[in-house]
Amino acid sequence: MKVLKKEGSDIVNRVLNVDGMGSIKGLYYNLVNGEVVESKLKNESIFRERVRDDRYLYRITCPMSG
């Protein structure tokens, strides 16, 4: 996906509904000065919310350069 403006940031934000606790890892890419820069998804970008006993909701956001 190509997101050019901050208004389109909900496109790169995701919500995952998961059984049990798990770990989330990932990469995201930004275009910086005409070059594609790969970055690791940081823990600060992953939010875990307990829905009930063994169900969790993970909210993931990918920072945009700008």
PDB file of N, CA and C in Angstrom:
ATOM      1  N   MET A   1       0.823  -1.171   0.000  1.00  0.00           N
ATOM      2  CA  MET A   1       0.000   0.000   0.000  1.00  0.00           C
ATOM      3  C   MET A   1       0.871   1.239   0.000  1.00  0.00           C
ATOM      4  N   LYS A   2       0.394   2.241  -0.633  1.00  0.00           N
ATOM      5  CA  LYS A   2       1.131   3.498  -0.673  1.00  0.00           C
ATOM      6  C   LYS A   2       0.257   4.569  -0.030  1.00  0.00           C
ATOM      7  N   VAL A   3       0.706   5.112   1.079  1.00  0.00           N
ATOM      8  CA  VAL A   3      -0.034   6.154   1.782  1.00  0.00           C
ATOM      9  C   VAL A   3       0.786   7.432   1.677  1.00  0.00           C
ATOM     10  N   LEU A   4       0.198   8.455   1.094  1.00  0.00           N
ATOM     11  CA  LEU A   4       0.930   9.685   0.834  1.00  0.00           C
ATOM     12  C   LEU A   4       0.653  10.787   1.849  1.00  0.00           C
ATOM     13  N   LYS A   5      -0.468  10.719   2.549  1.00  0.00           N
ATOM     14  CA  LYS A   5      -0.822  11.764   3.504  1.00  0.00           C
ATOM     15  C   LYS A   5      -1.210  11.144   4.833  1.00  0.00           C
ATOM     16  N   LYS A   6      -1.040  11.914   5.908  1.00  0.00           N
ATOM     17  CA  LYS A   6      -1.397  11.431   7.246  1.00  0.00           C
ATOM     18  C   LYS A   6      -2.878  11.072   7.331  1.00  0.00           C
ATOM     19  N   GLU A   7      -3.724  11.697   6.521  1.00  0.00           N
ATOM     20  CA  GLU A   7      -5.155  11.390   6.531  1.00  0.00           C
ATOM     21  C   GLU A   7      -5.414   9.937   6.138  1.00  0.00           C
ATOM     22  N   GLY A   8      -4.505   9.334   5.423  1.00  0.00           N
ATOM     23  CA  GLY A   8      -4.659   7.943   4.996  1.00  0.00           C
ATOM     24  C   GLY A   8      -4.052   6.954   5.969  1.00  0.00           C
ATOM     25  N   SER A   9      -3.645   7.428   7.143  1.00  0.00           N
ATOM     26  CA  SER A   9      -2.935   6.548   8.070  1.00  0.00           C
ATOM     27  C   SER A   9      -3.794   5.409   8.602  1.00  0.00           C
ATOM     28  N   ASP A  10      -5.169   5.540   8.571  1.00  0.00           N
ATOM     29  CA  ASP A  10      -5.962   4.403   9.061  1.00  0.00           C
ATOM     30  C   ASP A  10      -5.780   3.187   8.161  1.00  0.00           C
ATOM     31  N   ILE A  11      -5.291   3.375   6.963  1.00  0.00           N
ATOM     32  CA  ILE A  11      -5.048   2.251   6.065  1.00  0.00           C
ATOM     33  C   ILE A  11      -3.933   1.372   6.622  1.00  0.00           C
ATOM     34  N   VAL A  12      -2.930   1.964   7.237  1.00  0.00           N
ATOM     35  CA  VAL A  12      -1.796   1.180   7.741  1.00  0.00           C
ATOM     36  C   VAL A  12      -1.961   0.792   9.213  1.00  0.00           C
ATOM     37  N   ASN A  13      -3.059   1.188   9.834  1.00  0.00           N
ATOM     38  CA  ASN A  13      -3.346   0.758  11.195  1.00  0.00           C
ATOM     39  C   ASN A  13      -4.210  -0.487  11.138  1.00  0.00           C
ATOM     40  N   ARG A  14      -3.864  -1.505  11.916  1.00  0.00           N
ATOM     41  CA  ARG A  14      -4.569  -2.778  11.865  1.00  0.00           C
ATOM     42  C   ARG A  14      -5.001  -3.210  13.253  1.00  0.00           C
ATOM     43  N   VAL A  15      -6.070  -4.004  13.305  1.00  0.00           N
ATOM     44  CA  VAL A  15      -6.542  -4.592  14.552  1.00  0.00           C
ATOM     45  C   VAL A  15      -6.611  -6.101  14.339  1.00  0.00           C
ATOM     46  N   LEU A  16      -6.004  -6.856  15.263  1.00  0.00           N
ATOM     47  CA  LEU A  16      -6.022  -8.315  15.207  1.00  0.00           C
ATOM     48  C   LEU A  16      -6.723  -8.847  16.436  1.00  0.00           C
ATOM     49  N   ASN A  17      -7.645  -9.787  16.254  1.00  0.00           N
ATOM     50  CA  ASN A  17      -8.339 -10.441  17.344  1.00  0.00           C
ATOM     51  C   ASN A  17      -7.696 -11.813  17.514  1.00  0.00           C
ATOM     52  N   VAL A  18      -7.099 -12.090  18.693  1.00  0.00           N
ATOM     53  CA  VAL A  18      -6.247 -13.263  18.865  1.00  0.00           C
ATOM     54  C   VAL A  18      -6.685 -14.070  20.080  1.00  0.00           C
ATOM     55  N   ASP A  19      -6.644 -15.416  19.954  1.00  0.00           N
ATOM     56  CA  ASP A  19      -6.828 -16.307  21.102  1.00  0.00           C
ATOM     57  C   ASP A  19      -5.504 -16.402  21.830  1.00  0.00           C
ATOM     58  N   GLY A  20      -5.485 -16.154  23.107  1.00  0.00           N
ATOM     59  CA  GLY A  20      -4.263 -16.255  23.887  1.00  0.00           C
ATOM     60  C   GLY A  20      -3.323 -15.094  23.620  1.00  0.00           C
ATOM     61  N   MET A  21      -2.287 -15.028  24.434  1.00  0.00           N
ATOM     62  CA  MET A  21      -1.284 -13.981  24.245  1.00  0.00           C
ATOM     63  C   MET A  21      -0.244 -14.482  23.260  1.00  0.00           C
ATOM     64  N   GLY A  22       0.213 -13.617  22.438  1.00  0.00           N
ATOM     65  CA  GLY A  22       1.249 -13.967  21.471  1.00  0.00           C
ATOM     66  C   GLY A  22       2.221 -12.816  21.345  1.00  0.00           C
ATOM     67  N   SER A  23       3.140 -12.965  20.448  1.00  0.00           N
ATOM     68  CA  SER A  23       4.051 -11.851  20.190  1.00  0.00           C
ATOM     69  C   SER A  23       3.882 -11.432  18.741  1.00  0.00           C
ATOM     70  N   ILE A  24       3.964 -10.157  18.522  1.00  0.00           N
ATOM     71  CA  ILE A  24       3.794  -9.592  17.184  1.00  0.00           C
ATOM     72  C   ILE A  24       5.109  -8.950  16.783  1.00  0.00           C
ATOM     73  N   LYS A  25       5.569  -9.291  15.604  1.00  0.00           N
ATOM     74  CA  LYS A  25       6.774  -8.683  15.034  1.00  0.00           C
ATOM     75  C   LYS A  25       6.452  -8.313  13.597  1.00  0.00           C
ATOM     76  N   GLY A  26       7.118  -7.304  13.090  1.00  0.00           N
ATOM     77  CA  GLY A  26       6.856  -6.919  11.718  1.00  0.00           C
ATOM     78  C   GLY A  26       7.818  -5.861  11.227  1.00  0.00           C
ATOM     79  N   LEU A  27       7.700  -5.576   9.955  1.00  0.00           N
ATOM     80  CA  LEU A  27       8.494  -4.546   9.297  1.00  0.00           C
ATOM     81  C   LEU A  27       7.546  -3.588   8.598  1.00  0.00           C
ATOM     82  N   TYR A  28       7.987  -2.363   8.433  1.00  0.00           N
ATOM     83  CA  TYR A  28       7.250  -1.410   7.615  1.00  0.00           C
ATOM     84  C   TYR A  28       8.259  -0.635   6.780  1.00  0.00           C
ATOM     85  N   TYR A  29       7.772  -0.009   5.737  1.00  0.00           N
ATOM     86  CA  TYR A  29       8.641   0.669   4.773  1.00  0.00           C
ATOM     87  C   TYR A  29       8.165   2.096   4.575  1.00  0.00           C
ATOM     88  N   ASN A  30       9.111   3.023   4.515  1.00  0.00           N
ATOM     89  CA  ASN A  30       8.826   4.422   4.228  1.00  0.00           C
ATOM     90  C   ASN A  30       9.704   4.874   3.072  1.00  0.00           C
ATOM     91  N   LEU A  31       9.204   5.817   2.314  1.00  0.00           N
ATOM     92  CA  LEU A  31       9.979   6.417   1.246  1.00  0.00           C
ATOM     93  C   LEU A  31      10.595   7.696   1.800  1.00  0.00           C
ATOM     94  N   VAL A  32      11.924   7.726   1.909  1.00  0.00           N
ATOM     95  CA  VAL A  32      12.649   8.866   2.468  1.00  0.00           C
ATOM     96  C   VAL A  32      13.648   9.362   1.432  1.00  0.00           C
ATOM     97  N   ASN A  33      13.470  10.596   0.980  1.00  0.00           N
ATOM     98  CA  ASN A  33      14.355  11.182  -0.042  1.00  0.00           C
ATOM     99  C   ASN A  33      14.509  10.278  -1.260  1.00  0.00           C
ATOM    100  N   GLY A  34      13.412   9.694  -1.694  1.00  0.00           N
ATOM    101  CA  GLY A  34      13.428   8.860  -2.893  1.00  0.00           C
ATOM    102  C   GLY A  34      13.939   7.446  -2.673  1.00  0.00           C
ATOM    103  N   GLU A  35      14.274   7.075  -1.445  1.00  0.00           N
ATOM    104  CA  GLU A  35      14.758   5.720  -1.146  1.00  0.00           C
ATOM    105  C   GLU A  35      13.796   5.018  -0.202  1.00  0.00           C
ATOM    106  N   VAL A  36      13.623   3.719  -0.401  1.00  0.00           N
ATOM    107  CA  VAL A  36      12.787   2.921   0.476  1.00  0.00           C
ATOM    108  C   VAL A  36      13.608   2.540   1.703  1.00  0.00           C
ATOM    109  N   VAL A  37      13.092   2.882   2.879  1.00  0.00           N
ATOM    110  CA  VAL A  37      13.773   2.593   4.140  1.00  0.00           C
ATOM    111  C   VAL A  37      12.945   1.575   4.912  1.00  0.00           C
ATOM    112  N   GLU A  38      13.566   0.452   5.275  1.00  0.00           N
ATOM    113  CA  GLU A  38      12.909  -0.610   6.027  1.00  0.00           C
ATOM    114  C   GLU A  38      13.162  -0.395   7.517  1.00  0.00           C
ATOM    115  N   SER A  39      12.113  -0.518   8.326  1.00  0.00           N
ATOM    116  CA  SER A  39      12.233  -0.347   9.769  1.00  0.00           C
ATOM    117  C   SER A  39      11.484  -1.463  10.481  1.00  0.00           C
ATOM    118  N   LYS A  40      11.977  -1.841  11.657  1.00  0.00           N
ATOM    119  CA  LYS A  40      11.283  -2.842  12.463  1.00  0.00           C
ATOM    120  C   LYS A  40      10.140  -2.175  13.212  1.00  0.00           C
ATOM    121  N   LEU A  41       9.053  -2.900  13.341  1.00  0.00           N
ATOM    122  CA  LEU A  41       7.921  -2.429  14.118  1.00  0.00           C
ATOM    123  C   LEU A  41       8.322  -2.432  15.588  1.00  0.00           C
ATOM    124  N   LYS A  42       8.195  -1.286  16.246  1.00  0.00           N
ATOM    125  CA  LYS A  42       8.613  -1.160  17.642  1.00  0.00           C
ATOM    126  C   LYS A  42       7.467  -1.531  18.582  1.00  0.00           C
ATOM    127  N   ASN A  43       7.827  -1.964  19.776  1.00  0.00           N
ATOM    128  CA  ASN A  43       6.820  -2.343  20.773  1.00  0.00           C
ATOM    129  C   ASN A  43       5.870  -1.191  21.090  1.00  0.00           C
ATOM    130  N   GLU A  44       6.352   0.052  20.983  1.00  0.00           N
ATOM    131  CA  GLU A  44       5.505   1.217  21.257  1.00  0.00           C
ATOM    132  C   GLU A  44       4.367   1.351  20.245  1.00  0.00           C
ATOM    133  N   SER A  45       4.469   0.633  19.121  1.00  0.00           N
ATOM    134  CA  SER A  45       3.453   0.701  18.075  1.00  0.00           C
ATOM    135  C   SER A  45       2.432  -0.423  18.178  1.00  0.00           C
ATOM    136  N   ILE A  46       2.566  -1.268  19.211  1.00  0.00           N
ATOM    137  CA  ILE A  46       1.674  -2.418  19.386  1.00  0.00           C
ATOM    138  C   ILE A  46       0.963  -2.274  20.731  1.00  0.00           C
ATOM    139  N   PHE A  47      -0.353  -2.262  20.685  1.00  0.00           N
ATOM    140  CA  PHE A  47      -1.165  -2.096  21.890  1.00  0.00           C
ATOM    141  C   PHE A  47      -2.029  -3.337  22.084  1.00  0.00           C
ATOM    142  N   ARG A  48      -1.941  -3.945  23.267  1.00  0.00           N
ATOM    143  CA  ARG A  48      -2.710  -5.155  23.556  1.00  0.00           C
ATOM    144  C   ARG A  48      -3.823  -4.821  24.542  1.00  0.00           C
ATOM    145  N   GLU A  49      -5.011  -5.314  24.237  1.00  0.00           N
ATOM    146  CA  GLU A  49      -6.172  -5.080  25.092  1.00  0.00           C
ATOM    147  C   GLU A  49      -6.854  -6.424  25.346  1.00  0.00           C
ATOM    148  N   ARG A  50      -7.059  -6.754  26.611  1.00  0.00           N
ATOM    149  CA  ARG A  50      -7.751  -8.005  26.951  1.00  0.00           C
ATOM    150  C   ARG A  50      -9.247  -7.810  26.712  1.00  0.00           C
ATOM    151  N   VAL A  51      -9.835  -8.682  25.915  1.00  0.00           N
ATOM    152  CA  VAL A  51     -11.254  -8.600  25.604  1.00  0.00           C
ATOM    153  C   VAL A  51     -12.039  -9.420  26.622  1.00  0.00           C
ATOM    154  N   ARG A  52     -11.614 -10.640  26.862  1.00  0.00           N
ATOM    155  CA  ARG A  52     -12.137 -11.500  27.928  1.00  0.00           C
ATOM    156  C   ARG A  52     -11.100 -12.553  28.233  1.00  0.00           C
ATOM    157  N   ASP A  53     -11.409 -13.534  29.030  1.00  0.00           N
ATOM    158  CA  ASP A  53     -10.450 -14.494  29.575  1.00  0.00           C
ATOM    159  C   ASP A  53      -9.194 -14.703  28.732  1.00  0.00           C
ATOM    160  N   ASP A  54      -9.329 -15.377  27.634  1.00  0.00           N
ATOM    161  CA  ASP A  54      -8.151 -15.709  26.823  1.00  0.00           C
ATOM    162  C   ASP A  54      -8.222 -15.082  25.427  1.00  0.00           C
ATOM    163  N   ARG A  55      -8.916 -13.944  25.300  1.00  0.00           N
ATOM    164  CA  ARG A  55      -9.043 -13.241  24.009  1.00  0.00           C
ATOM    165  C   ARG A  55      -8.382 -11.883  24.132  1.00  0.00           C
ATOM    166  N   TYR A  56      -7.574 -11.538  23.145  1.00  0.00           N
ATOM    167  CA  TYR A  56      -6.877 -10.253  23.136  1.00  0.00           C
ATOM    168  C   TYR A  56      -7.088  -9.555  21.806  1.00  0.00           C
ATOM    169  N   LEU A  57      -7.080  -8.254  21.861  1.00  0.00           N
ATOM    170  CA  LEU A  57      -7.169  -7.414  20.679  1.00  0.00           C
ATOM    171  C   LEU A  57      -5.838  -6.686  20.576  1.00  0.00           C
ATOM    172  N   TYR A  58      -5.169  -6.815  19.460  1.00  0.00           N
ATOM    173  CA  TYR A  58      -3.905  -6.116  19.227  1.00  0.00           C
ATOM    174  C   TYR A  58      -4.152  -4.999  18.231  1.00  0.00           C
ATOM    175  N   ARG A  59      -3.783  -3.797  18.597  1.00  0.00           N
ATOM    176  CA  ARG A  59      -3.863  -2.640  17.694  1.00  0.00           C
ATOM    177  C   ARG A  59      -2.433  -2.308  17.281  1.00  0.00           C
ATOM    178  N   ILE A  60      -2.224  -2.275  15.987  1.00  0.00           N
ATOM    179  CA  ILE A  60      -0.885  -2.047  15.445  1.00  0.00           C
ATOM    180  C   ILE A  60      -0.923  -0.804  14.571  1.00  0.00           C
ATOM    181  N   THR A  61       0.041   0.077  14.771  1.00  0.00           N
ATOM    182  CA  THR A  61       0.134   1.269  13.944  1.00  0.00           C
ATOM    183  C   THR A  61       1.540   1.367  13.368  1.00  0.00           C
ATOM    184  N   CYS A  62       1.646   1.729  12.124  1.00  0.00           N
ATOM    185  CA  CYS A  62       2.947   1.884  11.462  1.00  0.00           C
ATOM    186  C   CYS A  62       3.242   3.371  11.310  1.00  0.00           C
ATOM    187  N   PRO A  63       4.309   3.843  11.925  1.00  0.00           N
ATOM    188  CA  PRO A  63       4.671   5.263  11.819  1.00  0.00           C
ATOM    189  C   PRO A  63       4.948   5.668  10.371  1.00  0.00           C
ATOM    190  N   MET A  64       4.586   6.885  10.042  1.00  0.00           N
ATOM    191  CA  MET A  64       4.855   7.405   8.702  1.00  0.00           C
ATOM    192  C   MET A  64       5.951   8.452   8.807  1.00  0.00           C
ATOM    193  N   SER A  65       6.832   8.473   7.829  1.00  0.00           N
ATOM    194  CA  SER A  65       7.835   9.545   7.804  1.00  0.00           C
ATOM    195  C   SER A  65       7.154  10.796   7.307  1.00  0.00           C
ATOM    196  N   GLY A  66       7.705  11.896   7.589  1.00  0.00           N
ATOM    197  CA  GLY A  66       7.032  13.093   7.104  1.00  0.00           C
ATOM    198  C   GLY A  66       7.765  14.269   7.537  1.00  0.00           C
TER     199      GLY A  66
END
